[in-house]
Amino acid sequence: PIDFLVRVAGEIATRVKGVNRVVY
């Protein structure tokens, strides 16, 4: 689901230091 992917992308991009963008 797109809402799940959006949530995961936000979590990775904000919590994993050195990452600011996520694609599927």
PDB file of all heavy atoms in Angstrom:
ATOM      1  N   PRO A   1       0.826  -1.218   0.000  1.00  0.00           N
ATOM      2  CA  PRO A   1       0.000   0.000   0.000  1.00  0.00           C
ATOM      3  C   PRO A   1       0.856   1.262   0.000  1.00  0.00           C
ATOM      4  O   PRO A   1       1.884   1.337   0.681  1.00  0.00           O
ATOM      5  CB  PRO A   1      -0.814  -0.116   1.299  1.00  0.00           C
ATOM      6  CG  PRO A   1      -0.785  -1.572   1.639  1.00  0.00           C
ATOM      7  CD  PRO A   1       0.542  -2.082   1.170  1.00  0.00           C
ATOM      8  N   ILE A   2       0.429   2.258  -0.743  1.00  0.00           N
ATOM      9  CA  ILE A   2       1.210   3.480  -0.871  1.00  0.00           C
ATOM     10  C   ILE A   2       1.339   4.204   0.467  1.00  0.00           C
ATOM     11  O   ILE A   2       2.395   4.787   0.756  1.00  0.00           O
ATOM     12  CB  ILE A   2       0.586   4.412  -1.937  1.00  0.00           C
ATOM     13  CG1 ILE A   2       1.510   5.607  -2.215  1.00  0.00           C
ATOM     14  CG2 ILE A   2      -0.795   4.868  -1.532  1.00  0.00           C
ATOM     15  CD1 ILE A   2       2.825   5.239  -2.789  1.00  0.00           C
ATOM     16  N   ASP A   3       0.296   4.157   1.304  1.00  0.00           N
ATOM     17  CA  ASP A   3       0.408   4.848   2.590  1.00  0.00           C
ATOM     18  C   ASP A   3       1.460   4.196   3.484  1.00  0.00           C
ATOM     19  O   ASP A   3       2.161   4.866   4.250  1.00  0.00           O
ATOM     20  CB  ASP A   3      -0.948   4.906   3.299  1.00  0.00           C
ATOM     21  CG  ASP A   3      -1.538   3.540   3.562  1.00  0.00           C
ATOM     22  OD1 ASP A   3      -1.149   2.575   2.869  1.00  0.00           O
ATOM     23  OD2 ASP A   3      -2.388   3.429   4.470  1.00  0.00           O
ATOM     24  N   PHE A   4       1.598   2.864   3.369  1.00  0.00           N
ATOM     25  CA  PHE A   4       2.642   2.160   4.109  1.00  0.00           C
ATOM     26  C   PHE A   4       4.015   2.567   3.607  1.00  0.00           C
ATOM     27  O   PHE A   4       4.926   2.863   4.396  1.00  0.00           O
ATOM     28  CB  PHE A   4       2.458   0.650   3.970  1.00  0.00           C
ATOM     29  CG  PHE A   4       3.639  -0.160   4.454  1.00  0.00           C
ATOM     30  CD1 PHE A   4       3.872  -0.339   5.811  1.00  0.00           C
ATOM     31  CD2 PHE A   4       4.523  -0.734   3.543  1.00  0.00           C
ATOM     32  CE1 PHE A   4       4.958  -1.073   6.254  1.00  0.00           C
ATOM     33  CE2 PHE A   4       5.610  -1.469   3.981  1.00  0.00           C
ATOM     34  CZ  PHE A   4       5.829  -1.637   5.334  1.00  0.00           C
ATOM     35  N   LEU A   5       4.192   2.612   2.301  1.00  0.00           N
ATOM     36  CA  LEU A   5       5.478   2.989   1.733  1.00  0.00           C
ATOM     37  C   LEU A   5       5.851   4.421   2.096  1.00  0.00           C
ATOM     38  O   LEU A   5       7.016   4.718   2.388  1.00  0.00           O
ATOM     39  CB  LEU A   5       5.448   2.819   0.208  1.00  0.00           C
ATOM     40  CG  LEU A   5       5.383   1.376  -0.300  1.00  0.00           C
ATOM     41  CD1 LEU A   5       5.159   1.352  -1.807  1.00  0.00           C
ATOM     42  CD2 LEU A   5       6.661   0.623   0.054  1.00  0.00           C
ATOM     43  N   VAL A   6       4.872   5.302   2.085  1.00  0.00           N
ATOM     44  CA  VAL A   6       5.134   6.695   2.461  1.00  0.00           C
ATOM     45  C   VAL A   6       5.601   6.778   3.909  1.00  0.00           C
ATOM     46  O   VAL A   6       6.549   7.501   4.243  1.00  0.00           O
ATOM     47  CB  VAL A   6       3.880   7.561   2.244  1.00  0.00           C
ATOM     48  CG1 VAL A   6       4.055   8.946   2.866  1.00  0.00           C
ATOM     49  CG2 VAL A   6       3.569   7.694   0.753  1.00  0.00           C
ATOM     50  N   ARG A   7       4.963   5.995   4.774  1.00  0.00           N
ATOM     51  CA  ARG A   7       5.322   6.018   6.191  1.00  0.00           C
ATOM     52  C   ARG A   7       6.735   5.472   6.407  1.00  0.00           C
ATOM     53  O   ARG A   7       7.535   6.060   7.151  1.00  0.00           O
ATOM     54  CB  ARG A   7       4.302   5.203   6.987  1.00  0.00           C
ATOM     55  CG  ARG A   7       4.531   5.265   8.497  1.00  0.00           C
ATOM     56  CD  ARG A   7       3.371   4.658   9.252  1.00  0.00           C
ATOM     57  NE  ARG A   7       3.259   3.217   9.082  1.00  0.00           N
ATOM     58  CZ  ARG A   7       2.321   2.614   8.365  1.00  0.00           C
ATOM     59  NH1 ARG A   7       1.405   3.341   7.725  1.00  0.00           N
ATOM     60  NH2 ARG A   7       2.287   1.293   8.253  1.00  0.00           N
ATOM     61  N   VAL A   8       7.055   4.354   5.741  1.00  0.00           N
ATOM     62  CA  VAL A   8       8.390   3.771   5.884  1.00  0.00           C
ATOM     63  C   VAL A   8       9.450   4.700   5.314  1.00  0.00           C
ATOM     64  O   VAL A   8      10.525   4.888   5.908  1.00  0.00           O
ATOM     65  CB  VAL A   8       8.461   2.393   5.193  1.00  0.00           C
ATOM     66  CG1 VAL A   8       9.892   1.860   5.213  1.00  0.00           C
ATOM     67  CG2 VAL A   8       7.530   1.400   5.860  1.00  0.00           C
ATOM     68  N   ALA A   9       9.157   5.283   4.162  1.00  0.00           N
ATOM     69  CA  ALA A   9      10.117   6.205   3.549  1.00  0.00           C
ATOM     70  C   ALA A   9      10.421   7.372   4.479  1.00  0.00           C
ATOM     71  O   ALA A   9      11.582   7.773   4.650  1.00  0.00           O
ATOM     72  CB  ALA A   9       9.575   6.710   2.214  1.00  0.00           C
ATOM     73  N   GLY A  10       9.382   7.909   5.113  1.00  0.00           N
ATOM     74  CA  GLY A  10       9.580   9.015   6.037  1.00  0.00           C
ATOM     75  C   GLY A  10      10.406   8.619   7.235  1.00  0.00           C
ATOM     76  O   GLY A  10      11.276   9.374   7.697  1.00  0.00           O
ATOM     77  N   GLU A  11      10.163   7.400   7.730  1.00  0.00           N
ATOM     78  CA  GLU A  11      10.907   6.929   8.896  1.00  0.00           C
ATOM     79  C   GLU A  11      12.385   6.752   8.571  1.00  0.00           C
ATOM     80  O   GLU A  11      13.261   7.163   9.344  1.00  0.00           O
ATOM     81  CB  GLU A  11      10.310   5.605   9.390  1.00  0.00           C
ATOM     82  CG  GLU A  11      10.915   5.111  10.685  1.00  0.00           C
ATOM     83  CD  GLU A  11      10.195   3.890  11.230  1.00  0.00           C
ATOM     84  OE1 GLU A  11       9.125   3.532  10.685  1.00  0.00           O
ATOM     85  OE2 GLU A  11      10.705   3.277  12.189  1.00  0.00           O
ATOM     86  N   ILE A  12      12.683   6.152   7.420  1.00  0.00           N
ATOM     87  CA  ILE A  12      14.076   5.943   7.032  1.00  0.00           C
ATOM     88  C   ILE A  12      14.771   7.269   6.767  1.00  0.00           C
ATOM     89  O   ILE A  12      15.892   7.518   7.229  1.00  0.00           O
ATOM     90  CB  ILE A  12      14.160   5.029   5.794  1.00  0.00           C
ATOM     91  CG1 ILE A  12      13.694   3.612   6.141  1.00  0.00           C
ATOM     92  CG2 ILE A  12      15.585   5.000   5.233  1.00  0.00           C
ATOM     93  CD1 ILE A  12      13.606   2.672   4.957  1.00  0.00           C
ATOM     94  N   ALA A  13      14.096   8.149   6.034  1.00  0.00           N
ATOM     95  CA  ALA A  13      14.723   9.411   5.632  1.00  0.00           C
ATOM     96  C   ALA A  13      14.969  10.362   6.796  1.00  0.00           C
ATOM     97  O   ALA A  13      15.849  11.219   6.730  1.00  0.00           O
ATOM     98  CB  ALA A  13      13.868  10.101   4.570  1.00  0.00           C
ATOM     99  N   THR A  14      14.195  10.211   7.861  1.00  0.00           N
ATOM    100  CA  THR A  14      14.371  11.121   9.005  1.00  0.00           C
ATOM    101  C   THR A  14      15.183  10.500  10.134  1.00  0.00           C
ATOM    102  O   THR A  14      15.805  11.232  10.920  1.00  0.00           O
ATOM    103  CB  THR A  14      13.004  11.568   9.554  1.00  0.00           C
ATOM    104  OG1 THR A  14      12.229  10.411   9.914  1.00  0.00           O
ATOM    105  CG2 THR A  14      12.257  12.393   8.514  1.00  0.00           C
ATOM    106  N   ARG A  15      15.194   9.159  10.235  1.00  0.00           N
ATOM    107  CA  ARG A  15      15.859   8.514  11.371  1.00  0.00           C
ATOM    108  C   ARG A  15      17.210   7.889  11.051  1.00  0.00           C
ATOM    109  O   ARG A  15      18.012   7.665  11.966  1.00  0.00           O
ATOM    110  CB  ARG A  15      14.941   7.442  11.967  1.00  0.00           C
ATOM    111  CG  ARG A  15      13.662   8.001  12.554  1.00  0.00           C
ATOM    112  CD  ARG A  15      12.866   6.911  13.244  1.00  0.00           C
ATOM    113  NE  ARG A  15      11.599   7.408  13.769  1.00  0.00           N
ATOM    114  CZ  ARG A  15      10.713   6.653  14.414  1.00  0.00           C
ATOM    115  NH1 ARG A  15      10.963   5.363  14.610  1.00  0.00           N
ATOM    116  NH2 ARG A  15       9.580   7.178  14.854  1.00  0.00           N
ATOM    117  N   VAL A  16      17.441   7.569   9.791  1.00  0.00           N
ATOM    118  CA  VAL A  16      18.713   6.959   9.410  1.00  0.00           C
ATOM    119  C   VAL A  16      19.652   8.060   8.940  1.00  0.00           C
ATOM    120  O   VAL A  16      19.439   8.664   7.887  1.00  0.00           O
ATOM    121  CB  VAL A  16      18.527   5.896   8.310  1.00  0.00           C
ATOM    122  CG1 VAL A  16      19.885   5.306   7.925  1.00  0.00           C
ATOM    123  CG2 VAL A  16      17.583   4.796   8.787  1.00  0.00           C
ATOM    124  N   LYS A  17      20.674   8.320   9.715  1.00  0.00           N
ATOM    125  CA  LYS A  17      21.596   9.402   9.414  1.00  0.00           C
ATOM    126  C   LYS A  17      22.300   9.148   8.085  1.00  0.00           C
ATOM    127  O   LYS A  17      22.840   8.070   7.846  1.00  0.00           O
ATOM    128  CB  LYS A  17      22.627   9.535  10.528  1.00  0.00           C
ATOM    129  CG  LYS A  17      23.554  10.730  10.363  1.00  0.00           C
ATOM    130  CD  LYS A  17      24.527  10.840  11.525  1.00  0.00           C
ATOM    131  CE  LYS A  17      25.453  12.028  11.366  1.00  0.00           C
ATOM    132  NZ  LYS A  17      26.411  12.137  12.496  1.00  0.00           N
ATOM    133  N   GLY A  18      22.288  10.150   7.202  1.00  0.00           N
ATOM    134  CA  GLY A  18      22.947  10.045   5.908  1.00  0.00           C
ATOM    135  C   GLY A  18      22.005   9.775   4.766  1.00  0.00           C
ATOM    136  O   GLY A  18      22.423   9.738   3.607  1.00  0.00           O
ATOM    137  N   VAL A  19      20.707   9.572   5.063  1.00  0.00           N
ATOM    138  CA  VAL A  19      19.699   9.304   4.035  1.00  0.00           C
ATOM    139  C   VAL A  19      18.666  10.429   4.037  1.00  0.00           C
ATOM    140  O   VAL A  19      18.213  10.854   5.103  1.00  0.00           O
ATOM    141  CB  VAL A  19      18.983   7.954   4.283  1.00  0.00           C
ATOM    142  CG1 VAL A  19      17.887   7.713   3.255  1.00  0.00           C
ATOM    143  CG2 VAL A  19      19.989   6.811   4.282  1.00  0.00           C
ATOM    144  N   ASN A  20      18.285  10.913   2.850  1.00  0.00           N
ATOM    145  CA  ASN A  20      17.222  11.921   2.806  1.00  0.00           C
ATOM    146  C   ASN A  20      16.195  11.657   1.713  1.00  0.00           C
ATOM    147  O   ASN A  20      15.317  12.492   1.470  1.00  0.00           O
ATOM    148  CB  ASN A  20      17.805  13.336   2.654  1.00  0.00           C
ATOM    149  CG  ASN A  20      18.496  13.552   1.316  1.00  0.00           C
ATOM    150  OD1 ASN A  20      18.473  12.688   0.439  1.00  0.00           O
ATOM    151  ND2 ASN A  20      19.115  14.720   1.156  1.00  0.00           N
ATOM    152  N   ARG A  21      16.288  10.500   1.046  1.00  0.00           N
ATOM    153  CA  ARG A  21      15.301  10.191   0.005  1.00  0.00           C
ATOM    154  C   ARG A  21      15.161   8.677  -0.121  1.00  0.00           C
ATOM    155  O   ARG A  21      16.161   7.945  -0.052  1.00  0.00           O
ATOM    156  CB  ARG A  21      15.729  10.790  -1.338  1.00  0.00           C
ATOM    157  CG  ARG A  21      14.624  10.792  -2.405  1.00  0.00           C
ATOM    158  CD  ARG A  21      15.128  11.450  -3.680  1.00  0.00           C
ATOM    159  NE  ARG A  21      15.516  12.844  -3.466  1.00  0.00           N
ATOM    160  CZ  ARG A  21      14.698  13.878  -3.630  1.00  0.00           C
ATOM    161  NH1 ARG A  21      13.443  13.667  -3.999  1.00  0.00           N
ATOM    162  NH2 ARG A  21      15.132  15.106  -3.426  1.00  0.00           N
ATOM    163  N   VAL A  22      13.913   8.206  -0.319  1.00  0.00           N
ATOM    164  CA  VAL A  22      13.624   6.779  -0.446  1.00  0.00           C
ATOM    165  C   VAL A  22      12.738   6.561  -1.661  1.00  0.00           C
ATOM    166  O   VAL A  22      11.753   7.278  -1.864  1.00  0.00           O
ATOM    167  CB  VAL A  22      12.927   6.222   0.815  1.00  0.00           C
ATOM    168  CG1 VAL A  22      12.601   4.738   0.645  1.00  0.00           C
ATOM    169  CG2 VAL A  22      13.808   6.438   2.046  1.00  0.00           C
ATOM    170  N   VAL A  23      13.084   5.535  -2.481  1.00  0.00           N
ATOM    171  CA  VAL A  23      12.276   5.188  -3.656  1.00  0.00           C
ATOM    172  C   VAL A  23      11.900   3.708  -3.557  1.00  0.00           C
ATOM    173  O   VAL A  23      12.524   2.933  -2.831  1.00  0.00           O
ATOM    174  CB  VAL A  23      13.043   5.466  -4.961  1.00  0.00           C
ATOM    175  CG1 VAL A  23      13.376   6.943  -5.095  1.00  0.00           C
ATOM    176  CG2 VAL A  23      14.322   4.630  -5.037  1.00  0.00           C
ATOM    177  N   TYR A  24      10.875   3.306  -4.327  1.00  0.00           N
ATOM    178  CA  TYR A  24      10.413   1.921  -4.331  1.00  0.00           C
ATOM    179  C   TYR A  24      10.595   1.332  -5.727  1.00  0.00           C
ATOM    180  O   TYR A  24      10.133   1.899  -6.714  1.00  0.00           O
ATOM    181  CB  TYR A  24       8.946   1.836  -3.903  1.00  0.00           C
ATOM    182  CG  TYR A  24       8.443   0.414  -3.718  1.00  0.00           C
ATOM    183  CD1 TYR A  24       9.109  -0.471  -2.874  1.00  0.00           C
ATOM    184  CD2 TYR A  24       7.290  -0.040  -4.358  1.00  0.00           C
ATOM    185  CE1 TYR A  24       8.658  -1.768  -2.679  1.00  0.00           C
ATOM    186  CE2 TYR A  24       6.813  -1.332  -4.166  1.00  0.00           C
ATOM    187  CZ  TYR A  24       7.506  -2.198  -3.330  1.00  0.00           C
ATOM    188  OH  TYR A  24       7.064  -3.485  -3.142  1.00  0.00           O
TER     189      TYR A  24
END
